[in-house]
PDB file of N, CA and C in Angstrom:
ATOM      1  N   MET A   1      32.627  -5.848 -42.823  1.00  0.00           N
ATOM      2  CA  MET A   1      32.406  -6.985 -41.950  1.00  0.00           C
ATOM      3  C   MET A   1      31.425  -6.639 -40.836  1.00  0.00           C
ATOM      4  N   ILE A   2      31.568  -5.431 -40.303  1.00  0.00           N
ATOM      5  CA  ILE A   2      30.631  -4.994 -39.266  1.00  0.00           C
ATOM      6  C   ILE A   2      29.221  -4.921 -39.843  1.00  0.00           C
ATOM      7  N   ILE A   3      29.116  -4.476 -41.093  1.00  0.00           N
ATOM      8  CA  ILE A   3      27.809  -4.393 -41.743  1.00  0.00           C
ATOM      9  C   ILE A   3      27.192  -5.787 -41.861  1.00  0.00           C
ATOM     10  N   LEU A   4      27.995  -6.777 -42.219  1.00  0.00           N
ATOM     11  CA  LEU A   4      27.484  -8.145 -42.344  1.00  0.00           C
ATOM     12  C   LEU A   4      27.030  -8.702 -40.998  1.00  0.00           C
ATOM     13  N   LEU A   5      27.789  -8.424 -39.945  1.00  0.00           N
ATOM     14  CA  LEU A   5      27.383  -8.886 -38.611  1.00  0.00           C
ATOM     15  C   LEU A   5      26.111  -8.185 -38.151  1.00  0.00           C
ATOM     16  N   THR A   6      26.008  -6.888 -38.448  1.00  0.00           N
ATOM     17  CA  THR A   6      24.799  -6.142 -38.100  1.00  0.00           C
ATOM     18  C   THR A   6      23.598  -6.725 -38.837  1.00  0.00           C
ATOM     19  N   GLU A   7      23.768  -6.990 -40.119  1.00  0.00           N
ATOM     20  CA  GLU A   7      22.691  -7.586 -40.908  1.00  0.00           C
ATOM     21  C   GLU A   7      22.339  -8.978 -40.387  1.00  0.00           C
ATOM     22  N   TYR A   8      23.349  -9.739 -39.988  1.00  0.00           N
ATOM     23  CA  TYR A   8      23.147 -11.083 -39.442  1.00  0.00           C
ATOM     24  C   TYR A   8      22.209 -11.037 -38.237  1.00  0.00           C
ATOM     25  N   PHE A   9      22.452 -10.111 -37.326  1.00  0.00           N
ATOM     26  CA  PHE A   9      21.617 -10.034 -36.132  1.00  0.00           C
ATOM     27  C   PHE A   9      20.313  -9.279 -36.376  1.00  0.00           C
ATOM     28  N   ASN A  10      20.281  -8.340 -37.321  1.00  0.00           N
ATOM     29  CA  ASN A  10      19.038  -7.632 -37.636  1.00  0.00           C
ATOM     30  C   ASN A  10      18.025  -8.537 -38.329  1.00  0.00           C
ATOM     31  N   LYS A  11      18.510  -9.521 -39.061  1.00  0.00           N
ATOM     32  CA  LYS A  11      17.618 -10.456 -39.752  1.00  0.00           C
ATOM     33  C   LYS A  11      17.476 -11.745 -38.941  1.00  0.00           C
ATOM     34  N   TYR A  12      17.360 -11.594 -37.644  1.00  0.00           N
ATOM     35  CA  TYR A  12      17.326 -12.711 -36.702  1.00  0.00           C
ATOM     36  C   TYR A  12      16.306 -13.778 -37.101  1.00  0.00           C
ATOM     37  N   PHE A  13      15.103 -13.340 -37.469  1.00  0.00           N
ATOM     38  CA  PHE A  13      14.033 -14.279 -37.802  1.00  0.00           C
ATOM     39  C   PHE A  13      13.649 -14.229 -39.277  1.00  0.00           C
ATOM     40  N   ASP A  14      14.518 -13.713 -40.131  1.00  0.00           N
ATOM     41  CA  ASP A  14      14.213 -13.610 -41.558  1.00  0.00           C
ATOM     42  C   ASP A  14      14.625 -14.895 -42.271  1.00  0.00           C
ATOM     43  N   PHE A  15      13.638 -15.758 -42.474  1.00  0.00           N
ATOM     44  CA  PHE A  15      13.884 -17.026 -43.156  1.00  0.00           C
ATOM     45  C   PHE A  15      13.382 -16.982 -44.601  1.00  0.00           C
ATOM     46  N   GLN A  16      12.959 -15.815 -45.080  1.00  0.00           N
ATOM     47  CA  GLN A  16      12.285 -15.724 -46.373  1.00  0.00           C
ATOM     48  C   GLN A  16      13.123 -15.154 -47.503  1.00  0.00           C
ATOM     49  N   THR A  17      13.947 -14.156 -47.238  1.00  0.00           N
ATOM     50  CA  THR A  17      14.651 -13.452 -48.307  1.00  0.00           C
ATOM     51  C   THR A  17      15.874 -14.243 -48.764  1.00  0.00           C
ATOM     52  N   ARG A  18      16.796 -13.571 -49.430  1.00  0.00           N
ATOM     53  CA  ARG A  18      17.967 -14.241 -49.998  1.00  0.00           C
ATOM     54  C   ARG A  18      19.255 -13.612 -49.490  1.00  0.00           C
ATOM     55  N   THR A  19      20.318 -14.410 -49.456  1.00  0.00           N
ATOM     56  CA  THR A  19      21.669 -13.945 -49.115  1.00  0.00           C
ATOM     57  C   THR A  19      22.617 -14.493 -50.172  1.00  0.00           C
ATOM     58  N   ASN A  20      23.437 -13.610 -50.740  1.00  0.00           N
ATOM     59  CA  ASN A  20      24.347 -14.084 -51.792  1.00  0.00           C
ATOM     60  C   ASN A  20      25.486 -14.910 -51.199  1.00  0.00           C
ATOM     61  N   ARG A  21      26.216 -15.561 -52.081  1.00  0.00           N
ATOM     62  CA  ARG A  21      27.258 -16.503 -51.673  1.00  0.00           C
ATOM     63  C   ARG A  21      28.359 -15.825 -50.869  1.00  0.00           C
ATOM     64  N   ARG A  22      28.846 -14.682 -51.346  1.00  0.00           N
ATOM     65  CA  ARG A  22      29.934 -13.993 -50.645  1.00  0.00           C
ATOM     66  C   ARG A  22      29.514 -13.574 -49.241  1.00  0.00           C
ATOM     67  N   ASP A  23      28.347 -12.950 -49.126  1.00  0.00           N
ATOM     68  CA  ASP A  23      27.879 -12.507 -47.812  1.00  0.00           C
ATOM     69  C   ASP A  23      27.695 -13.686 -46.860  1.00  0.00           C
ATOM     70  N   TYR A  24      27.183 -14.804 -47.384  1.00  0.00           N
ATOM     71  CA  TYR A  24      26.993 -15.982 -46.540  1.00  0.00           C
ATOM     72  C   TYR A  24      28.320 -16.469 -45.973  1.00  0.00           C
ATOM     73  N   TRP A  25      29.298 -16.692 -46.854  1.00  0.00           N
ATOM     74  CA  TRP A  25      30.553 -17.292 -46.409  1.00  0.00           C
ATOM     75  C   TRP A  25      31.374 -16.349 -45.537  1.00  0.00           C
ATOM     76  N   VAL A  26      31.346 -15.050 -45.823  1.00  0.00           N
ATOM     77  CA  VAL A  26      32.072 -14.099 -44.967  1.00  0.00           C
ATOM     78  C   VAL A  26      31.422 -14.059 -43.585  1.00  0.00           C
ATOM     79  N   THR A  27      30.092 -13.999 -43.545  1.00  0.00           N
ATOM     80  CA  THR A  27      29.389 -13.991 -42.260  1.00  0.00           C
ATOM     81  C   THR A  27      29.622 -15.297 -41.511  1.00  0.00           C
ATOM     82  N   PHE A  28      29.543 -16.421 -42.206  1.00  0.00           N
ATOM     83  CA  PHE A  28      29.794 -17.726 -41.595  1.00  0.00           C
ATOM     84  C   PHE A  28      31.188 -17.761 -40.970  1.00  0.00           C
ATOM     85  N   LEU A  29      32.184 -17.288 -41.708  1.00  0.00           N
ATOM     86  CA  LEU A  29      33.559 -17.275 -41.212  1.00  0.00           C
ATOM     87  C   LEU A  29      33.694 -16.378 -39.983  1.00  0.00           C
ATOM     88  N   LEU A  30      33.071 -15.201 -40.010  1.00  0.00           N
ATOM     89  CA  LEU A  30      33.135 -14.293 -38.859  1.00  0.00           C
ATOM     90  C   LEU A  30      32.509 -14.922 -37.619  1.00  0.00           C
ATOM     91  N   ILE A  31      31.340 -15.512 -37.777  1.00  0.00           N
ATOM     92  CA  ILE A  31      30.652 -16.148 -36.647  1.00  0.00           C
ATOM     93  C   ILE A  31      31.481 -17.312 -36.121  1.00  0.00           C
ATOM     94  N   PHE A  32      32.066 -18.093 -37.018  1.00  0.00           N
ATOM     95  CA  PHE A  32      32.914 -19.221 -36.640  1.00  0.00           C
ATOM     96  C   PHE A  32      34.142 -18.743 -35.860  1.00  0.00           C
ATOM     97  N   LEU A  33      34.819 -17.711 -36.373  1.00  0.00           N
ATOM     98  CA  LEU A  33      36.019 -17.195 -35.704  1.00  0.00           C
ATOM     99  C   LEU A  33      35.688 -16.559 -34.357  1.00  0.00           C
ATOM    100  N   LEU A  34      34.556 -15.857 -34.282  1.00  0.00           N
ATOM    101  CA  LEU A  34      34.138 -15.308 -32.989  1.00  0.00           C
ATOM    102  C   LEU A  34      33.831 -16.434 -32.004  1.00  0.00           C
ATOM    103  N   GLY A  35      33.244 -17.517 -32.487  1.00  0.00           N
ATOM    104  CA  GLY A  35      32.987 -18.680 -31.635  1.00  0.00           C
ATOM    105  C   GLY A  35      34.275 -19.275 -31.091  1.00  0.00           C
ATOM    106  N   ILE A  36      35.297 -19.358 -31.930  1.00  0.00           N
ATOM    107  CA  ILE A  36      36.604 -19.849 -31.471  1.00  0.00           C
ATOM    108  C   ILE A  36      37.185 -18.898 -30.433  1.00  0.00           C
ATOM    109  N   LEU A  37      37.105 -17.595 -30.700  1.00  0.00           N
ATOM    110  CA  LEU A  37      37.609 -16.599 -29.750  1.00  0.00           C
ATOM    111  C   LEU A  37      36.903 -16.729 -28.402  1.00  0.00           C
ATOM    112  N   PHE A  38      35.576 -16.844 -28.425  1.00  0.00           N
ATOM    113  CA  PHE A  38      34.840 -16.994 -27.169  1.00  0.00           C
ATOM    114  C   PHE A  38      35.173 -18.317 -26.486  1.00  0.00           C
ATOM    115  N   GLY A  39      35.453 -19.348 -27.262  1.00  0.00           N
ATOM    116  CA  GLY A  39      35.876 -20.623 -26.683  1.00  0.00           C
ATOM    117  C   GLY A  39      37.211 -20.509 -25.965  1.00  0.00           C
ATOM    118  N   ILE A  40      38.144 -19.758 -26.555  1.00  0.00           N
ATOM    119  CA  ILE A  40      39.449 -19.540 -25.914  1.00  0.00           C
ATOM    120  C   ILE A  40      39.283 -18.722 -24.643  1.00  0.00           C
ATOM    121  N   ILE A  41      38.486 -17.661 -24.724  1.00  0.00           N
ATOM    122  CA  ILE A  41      38.221 -16.841 -23.533  1.00  0.00           C
ATOM    123  C   ILE A  41      37.566 -17.696 -22.460  1.00  0.00           C
ATOM    124  N   ASN A  42      36.614 -18.509 -22.873  1.00  0.00           N
ATOM    125  CA  ASN A  42      35.914 -19.397 -21.948  1.00  0.00           C
ATOM    126  C   ASN A  42      36.877 -20.352 -21.254  1.00  0.00           C
ATOM    127  N   ALA A  43      37.861 -20.864 -21.981  1.00  0.00           N
ATOM    128  CA  ALA A  43      38.832 -21.805 -21.416  1.00  0.00           C
ATOM    129  C   ALA A  43      39.641 -21.177 -20.289  1.00  0.00           C
ATOM    130  N   PHE A  44      39.852 -19.876 -20.357  1.00  0.00           N
ATOM    131  CA  PHE A  44      40.630 -19.191 -19.323  1.00  0.00           C
ATOM    132  C   PHE A  44      39.775 -18.719 -18.147  1.00  0.00           C
ATOM    133  N   TYR A  45      38.523 -18.334 -18.403  1.00  0.00           N
ATOM    134  CA  TYR A  45      37.734 -17.701 -17.352  1.00  0.00           C
ATOM    135  C   TYR A  45      36.657 -18.579 -16.733  1.00  0.00           C
ATOM    136  N   SER A  46      36.106 -19.507 -17.468  1.00  0.00           N
ATOM    137  CA  SER A  46      35.091 -20.388 -16.871  1.00  0.00           C
ATOM    138  C   SER A  46      35.101 -21.759 -17.547  1.00  0.00           C
ATOM    139  N   PRO A  47      36.234 -22.471 -17.448  1.00  0.00           N
ATOM    140  CA  PRO A  47      36.333 -23.761 -18.152  1.00  0.00           C
ATOM    141  C   PRO A  47      35.374 -24.823 -17.625  1.00  0.00           C
ATOM    142  N   GLU A  48      34.979 -24.721 -16.368  1.00  0.00           N
ATOM    143  CA  GLU A  48      34.102 -25.743 -15.793  1.00  0.00           C
ATOM    144  C   GLU A  48      32.688 -25.660 -16.359  1.00  0.00           C
ATOM    145  N   THR A  49      32.200 -24.456 -16.564  1.00  0.00           N
ATOM    146  CA  THR A  49      30.806 -24.294 -16.972  1.00  0.00           C
ATOM    147  C   THR A  49      30.622 -24.156 -18.472  1.00  0.00           C
ATOM    148  N   GLY A  50      31.597 -23.606 -19.163  1.00  0.00           N
ATOM    149  CA  GLY A  50      31.429 -23.354 -20.592  1.00  0.00           C
ATOM    150  C   GLY A  50      30.401 -22.276 -20.861  1.00  0.00           C
ATOM    151  N   LEU A  51      30.186 -21.406 -19.880  1.00  0.00           N
ATOM    152  CA  LEU A  51      29.119 -20.414 -19.952  1.00  0.00           C
ATOM    153  C   LEU A  51      29.223 -19.515 -21.176  1.00  0.00           C
ATOM    154  N   ILE A  52      30.389 -18.960 -21.430  1.00  0.00           N
ATOM    155  CA  ILE A  52      30.544 -18.018 -22.537  1.00  0.00           C
ATOM    156  C   ILE A  52      30.237 -18.706 -23.865  1.00  0.00           C
ATOM    157  N   GLN A  53      30.770 -19.887 -24.063  1.00  0.00           N
ATOM    158  CA  GLN A  53      30.541 -20.630 -25.304  1.00  0.00           C
ATOM    159  C   GLN A  53      29.069 -21.014 -25.448  1.00  0.00           C
ATOM    160  N   ASN A  54      28.440 -21.418 -24.356  1.00  0.00           N
ATOM    161  CA  ASN A  54      27.025 -21.794 -24.407  1.00  0.00           C
ATOM    162  C   ASN A  54      26.135 -20.606 -24.734  1.00  0.00           C
ATOM    163  N   VAL A  55      26.422 -19.462 -24.145  1.00  0.00           N
ATOM    164  CA  VAL A  55      25.643 -18.253 -24.440  1.00  0.00           C
ATOM    165  C   VAL A  55      25.817 -17.876 -25.907  1.00  0.00           C
ATOM    166  N   TRP A  56      27.056 -17.909 -26.407  1.00  0.00           N
ATOM    167  CA  TRP A  56      27.307 -17.591 -27.819  1.00  0.00           C
ATOM    168  C   TRP A  56      26.520 -18.537 -28.733  1.00  0.00           C
ATOM    169  N   SER A  57      26.501 -19.807 -28.403  1.00  0.00           N
ATOM    170  CA  SER A  57      25.762 -20.776 -29.217  1.00  0.00           C
ATOM    171  C   SER A  57      24.269 -20.479 -29.211  1.00  0.00           C
ATOM    172  N   LEU A  58      23.727 -20.152 -28.055  1.00  0.00           N
ATOM    173  CA  LEU A  58      22.303 -19.825 -27.966  1.00  0.00           C
ATOM    174  C   LEU A  58      21.959 -18.553 -28.732  1.00  0.00           C
ATOM    175  N   VAL A  59      22.850 -17.569 -28.679  1.00  0.00           N
ATOM    176  CA  VAL A  59      22.612 -16.291 -29.357  1.00  0.00           C
ATOM    177  C   VAL A  59      22.672 -16.459 -30.878  1.00  0.00           C
ATOM    178  N   THR A  60      23.491 -17.370 -31.368  1.00  0.00           N
ATOM    179  CA  THR A  60      23.705 -17.475 -32.815  1.00  0.00           C
ATOM    180  C   THR A  60      22.944 -18.602 -33.511  1.00  0.00           C
ATOM    181  N   ILE A  61      22.286 -19.480 -32.781  1.00  0.00           N
ATOM    182  CA  ILE A  61      21.651 -20.629 -33.426  1.00  0.00           C
ATOM    183  C   ILE A  61      20.534 -20.212 -34.390  1.00  0.00           C
ATOM    184  N   ILE A  62      19.631 -19.347 -33.963  1.00  0.00           N
ATOM    185  CA  ILE A  62      18.513 -18.958 -34.827  1.00  0.00           C
ATOM    186  C   ILE A  62      18.975 -18.099 -36.000  1.00  0.00           C
ATOM    187  N   PRO A  63      19.801 -17.064 -35.776  1.00  0.00           N
ATOM    188  CA  PRO A  63      20.237 -16.301 -36.953  1.00  0.00           C
ATOM    189  C   PRO A  63      21.092 -17.126 -37.915  1.00  0.00           C
ATOM    190  N   SER A  64      21.798 -18.129 -37.420  1.00  0.00           N
ATOM    191  CA  SER A  64      22.577 -18.992 -38.316  1.00  0.00           C
ATOM    192  C   SER A  64      21.655 -19.857 -39.173  1.00  0.00           C
ATOM    193  N   LEU A  65      20.588 -20.360 -38.579  1.00  0.00           N
ATOM    194  CA  LEU A  65      19.605 -21.113 -39.358  1.00  0.00           C
ATOM    195  C   LEU A  65      18.926 -20.209 -40.384  1.00  0.00           C
ATOM    196  N   ALA A  66      18.618 -18.977 -39.978  1.00  0.00           N
ATOM    197  CA  ALA A  66      18.007 -18.020 -40.906  1.00  0.00           C
ATOM    198  C   ALA A  66      18.960 -17.694 -42.048  1.00  0.00           C
ATOM    199  N   LEU A  67      20.229 -17.484 -41.729  1.00  0.00           N
ATOM    200  CA  LEU A  67      21.234 -17.191 -42.756  1.00  0.00           C
ATOM    201  C   LEU A  67      21.346 -18.351 -43.744  1.00  0.00           C
ATOM    202  N   GLY A  68      21.384 -19.564 -43.242  1.00  0.00           N
ATOM    203  CA  GLY A  68      21.443 -20.737 -44.108  1.00  0.00           C
ATOM    204  C   GLY A  68      20.208 -20.863 -44.991  1.00  0.00           C
ATOM    205  N   SER A  69      19.040 -20.585 -44.423  1.00  0.00           N
ATOM    206  CA  SER A  69      17.803 -20.635 -45.212  1.00  0.00           C
ATOM    207  C   SER A  69      17.822 -19.598 -46.322  1.00  0.00           C
ATOM    208  N   ARG A  70      18.258 -18.391 -45.984  1.00  0.00           N
ATOM    209  CA  ARG A  70      18.327 -17.335 -47.004  1.00  0.00           C
ATOM    210  C   ARG A  70      19.305 -17.707 -48.115  1.00  0.00           C
ATOM    211  N   ARG A  71      20.431 -18.324 -47.748  1.00  0.00           N
ATOM    212  CA  ARG A  71      21.415 -18.733 -48.760  1.00  0.00           C
ATOM    213  C   ARG A  71      20.840 -19.832 -49.650  1.00  0.00           C
ATOM    214  N   LEU A  72      20.161 -20.800 -49.049  1.00  0.00           N
ATOM    215  CA  LEU A  72      19.550 -21.864 -49.842  1.00  0.00           C
ATOM    216  C   LEU A  72      18.452 -21.316 -50.750  1.00  0.00           C
ATOM    217  N   HIS A  73      17.682 -20.337 -50.264  1.00  0.00           N
ATOM    218  CA  HIS A  73      16.665 -19.709 -51.113  1.00  0.00           C
ATOM    219  C   HIS A  73      17.313 -19.044 -52.318  1.00  0.00           C
ATOM    220  N   ASP A  74      18.514 -18.508 -52.130  1.00  0.00           N
ATOM    221  CA  ASP A  74      19.231 -17.852 -53.221  1.00  0.00           C
ATOM    222  C   ASP A  74      19.658 -18.854 -54.295  1.00  0.00           C
ATOM    223  N   THR A  75      19.689 -20.133 -53.946  1.00  0.00           N
ATOM    224  CA  THR A  75      20.012 -21.186 -54.925  1.00  0.00           C
ATOM    225  C   THR A  75      18.747 -21.957 -55.326  1.00  0.00           C
ATOM    226  N   ASN A  76      17.580 -21.377 -55.027  1.00  0.00           N
ATOM    227  CA  ASN A  76      16.267 -21.976 -55.326  1.00  0.00           C
ATOM    228  C   ASN A  76      16.050 -23.318 -54.634  1.00  0.00           C
ATOM    229  N   ARG A  77      16.492 -23.405 -53.387  1.00  0.00           N
ATOM    230  CA  ARG A  77      16.252 -24.599 -52.579  1.00  0.00           C
ATOM    231  C   ARG A  77      15.523 -24.190 -51.301  1.00  0.00           C
ATOM    232  N   SER A  78      14.823 -25.128 -50.726  1.00  0.00           N
ATOM    233  CA  SER A  78      14.123 -24.892 -49.470  1.00  0.00           C
ATOM    234  C   SER A  78      15.116 -24.841 -48.308  1.00  0.00           C
ATOM    235  N   GLY A  79      14.777 -24.051 -47.301  1.00  0.00           N
ATOM    236  CA  GLY A  79      15.604 -23.985 -46.102  1.00  0.00           C
ATOM    237  C   GLY A  79      15.650 -25.304 -45.346  1.00  0.00           C
ATOM    238  N   PHE A  80      14.694 -26.179 -45.618  1.00  0.00           N
ATOM    239  CA  PHE A  80      14.670 -27.480 -44.945  1.00  0.00           C
ATOM    240  C   PHE A  80      15.852 -28.365 -45.336  1.00  0.00           C
ATOM    241  N   TRP A  81      16.540 -28.015 -46.424  1.00  0.00           N
ATOM    242  CA  TRP A  81      17.734 -28.766 -46.799  1.00  0.00           C
ATOM    243  C   TRP A  81      18.793 -28.695 -45.708  1.00  0.00           C
ATOM    244  N   GLN A  82      18.673 -27.739 -44.795  1.00  0.00           N
ATOM    245  CA  GLN A  82      19.636 -27.637 -43.694  1.00  0.00           C
ATOM    246  C   GLN A  82      19.605 -28.863 -42.786  1.00  0.00           C
ATOM    247  N   LEU A  83      18.545 -29.619 -42.862  1.00  0.00           N
ATOM    248  CA  LEU A  83      18.479 -30.851 -42.074  1.00  0.00           C
ATOM    249  C   LEU A  83      19.587 -31.824 -42.462  1.00  0.00           C
ATOM    250  N   LEU A  84      20.190 -31.615 -43.629  1.00  0.00           N
ATOM    251  CA  LEU A  84      21.316 -32.467 -44.036  1.00  0.00           C
ATOM    252  C   LEU A  84      22.491 -32.353 -43.076  1.00  0.00           C
ATOM    253  N   TRP A  85      22.578 -31.244 -42.330  1.00  0.00           N
ATOM    254  CA  TRP A  85      23.654 -31.108 -41.334  1.00  0.00           C
ATOM    255  C   TRP A  85      23.590 -32.240 -40.314  1.00  0.00           C
ATOM    256  N   LEU A  86      22.418 -32.854 -40.150  1.00  0.00           N
ATOM    257  CA  LEU A  86      22.248 -33.922 -39.162  1.00  0.00           C
ATOM    258  C   LEU A  86      22.776 -35.273 -39.646  1.00  0.00           C
ATOM    259  N   ILE A  87      23.118 -35.365 -40.931  1.00  0.00           N
ATOM    260  CA  ILE A  87      23.651 -36.613 -41.488  1.00  0.00           C
ATOM    261  C   ILE A  87      25.167 -36.466 -41.612  1.00  0.00           C
ATOM    262  N   PRO A  88      25.911 -37.180 -40.785  1.00  0.00           N
ATOM    263  CA  PRO A  88      27.375 -37.027 -40.816  1.00  0.00           C
ATOM    264  C   PRO A  88      27.972 -37.323 -42.195  1.00  0.00           C
ATOM    265  N   ILE A  89      28.956 -36.597 -42.521  1.00  0.00           N
ATOM    266  CA  ILE A  89      29.813 -36.675 -43.702  1.00  0.00           C
ATOM    267  C   ILE A  89      29.029 -36.507 -45.011  1.00  0.00           C
ATOM    268  N   PHE A  90      28.202 -37.464 -45.408  1.00  0.00           N
ATOM    269  CA  PHE A  90      27.478 -37.338 -46.674  1.00  0.00           C
ATOM    270  C   PHE A  90      26.599 -36.089 -46.682  1.00  0.00           C
ATOM    271  N   GLY A  91      25.805 -35.908 -45.632  1.00  0.00           N
ATOM    272  CA  GLY A  91      24.934 -34.739 -45.544  1.00  0.00           C
ATOM    273  C   GLY A  91      25.722 -33.446 -45.536  1.00  0.00           C
ATOM    274  N   TRP A  92      26.843 -33.446 -44.840  1.00  0.00           N
ATOM    275  CA  TRP A  92      27.681 -32.243 -44.765  1.00  0.00           C
ATOM    276  C   TRP A  92      28.220 -31.874 -46.137  1.00  0.00           C
ATOM    277  N   VAL A  93      28.679 -32.877 -46.868  1.00  0.00           N
ATOM    278  CA  VAL A  93      29.228 -32.617 -48.206  1.00  0.00           C
ATOM    279  C   VAL A  93      28.142 -32.046 -49.119  1.00  0.00           C
ATOM    280  N   VAL A  94      26.955 -32.627 -49.068  1.00  0.00           N
ATOM    281  CA  VAL A  94      25.859 -32.180 -49.928  1.00  0.00           C
ATOM    282  C   VAL A  94      25.442 -30.759 -49.573  1.00  0.00           C
ATOM    283  N   ILE A  95      25.259 -30.459 -48.289  1.00  0.00           N
ATOM    284  CA  ILE A  95      24.801 -29.119 -47.911  1.00  0.00           C
ATOM    285  C   ILE A  95      25.869 -28.071 -48.215  1.00  0.00           C
ATOM    286  N   ILE A  96      27.137 -28.393 -48.013  1.00  0.00           N
ATOM    287  CA  ILE A  96      28.205 -27.445 -48.363  1.00  0.00           C
ATOM    288  C   ILE A  96      28.217 -27.210 -49.876  1.00  0.00           C
ATOM    289  N   TYR A  97      27.970 -28.250 -50.642  1.00  0.00           N
ATOM    290  CA  TYR A  97      27.860 -28.093 -52.100  1.00  0.00           C
ATOM    291  C   TYR A  97      26.709 -27.144 -52.440  1.00  0.00           C
ATOM    292  N   PHE A  98      25.539 -27.356 -51.839  1.00  0.00           N
ATOM    293  CA  PHE A  98      24.385 -26.489 -52.095  1.00  0.00           C
ATOM    294  C   PHE A  98      24.681 -25.041 -51.710  1.00  0.00           C
ATOM    295  N   LEU A  99      25.299 -24.850 -50.546  1.00  0.00           N
ATOM    296  CA  LEU A  99      25.587 -23.497 -50.069  1.00  0.00           C
ATOM    297  C   LEU A  99      26.646 -22.801 -50.921  1.00  0.00           C
ATOM    298  N   SER A 100      27.448 -23.572 -51.626  1.00  0.00           N
ATOM    299  CA  SER A 100      28.520 -23.013 -52.451  1.00  0.00           C
ATOM    300  C   SER A 100      28.086 -22.717 -53.883  1.00  0.00           C
ATOM    301  N   ARG A 101      26.895 -23.123 -54.248  1.00  0.00           N
ATOM    302  CA  ARG A 101      26.413 -22.911 -55.609  1.00  0.00           C
ATOM    303  C   ARG A 101      26.170 -21.428 -55.873  1.00  0.00           C
ATOM    304  N   PRO A 102      26.292 -21.010 -57.140  1.00  0.00           N
ATOM    305  CA  PRO A 102      26.014 -19.607 -57.468  1.00  0.00           C
ATOM    306  C   PRO A 102      24.535 -19.271 -57.300  1.00  0.00           C
ATOM    307  N   SER A 103      24.269 -17.999 -57.176  1.00  0.00           N
ATOM    308  CA  SER A 103      22.893 -17.521 -57.040  1.00  0.00           C
ATOM    309  C   SER A 103      22.101 -17.809 -58.306  1.00  0.00           C
ATOM    310  N   VAL A 104      20.803 -18.050 -58.123  1.00  0.00           N
ATOM    311  CA  VAL A 104      19.891 -18.272 -59.242  1.00  0.00           C
ATOM    312  C   VAL A 104      18.876 -17.141 -59.213  1.00  0.00           C
ATOM    313  N   ASP A 105      18.648 -16.530 -60.368  1.00  0.00           N
ATOM    314  CA  ASP A 105      17.680 -15.407 -60.420  1.00  0.00           C
ATOM    315  C   ASP A 105      16.268 -15.872 -60.532  1.00  0.00           C
TER     316      ASP A 105
END
């Protein structure tokens, strides 16, 4: 898991290569759970500002987009398909389906 997080941050601007399904979902889950943890910490120490949660979001936005692009490339799709996240419900279902597809050689 530490290796996946290290790779996540080392490939901060890598929108070109590929990420397999397992690595994507494990990394996604780790980032999500860390976000929840920071949200809980934030609620106790700076609930008015949301500083900790905001910093975490800023730190992870670009590598998360890169991770999603790499995963979509692994299914032979463009990283621009991530724009589906902006369409409530239908877009979410479609992008989760794409991200869950097996790798294509």
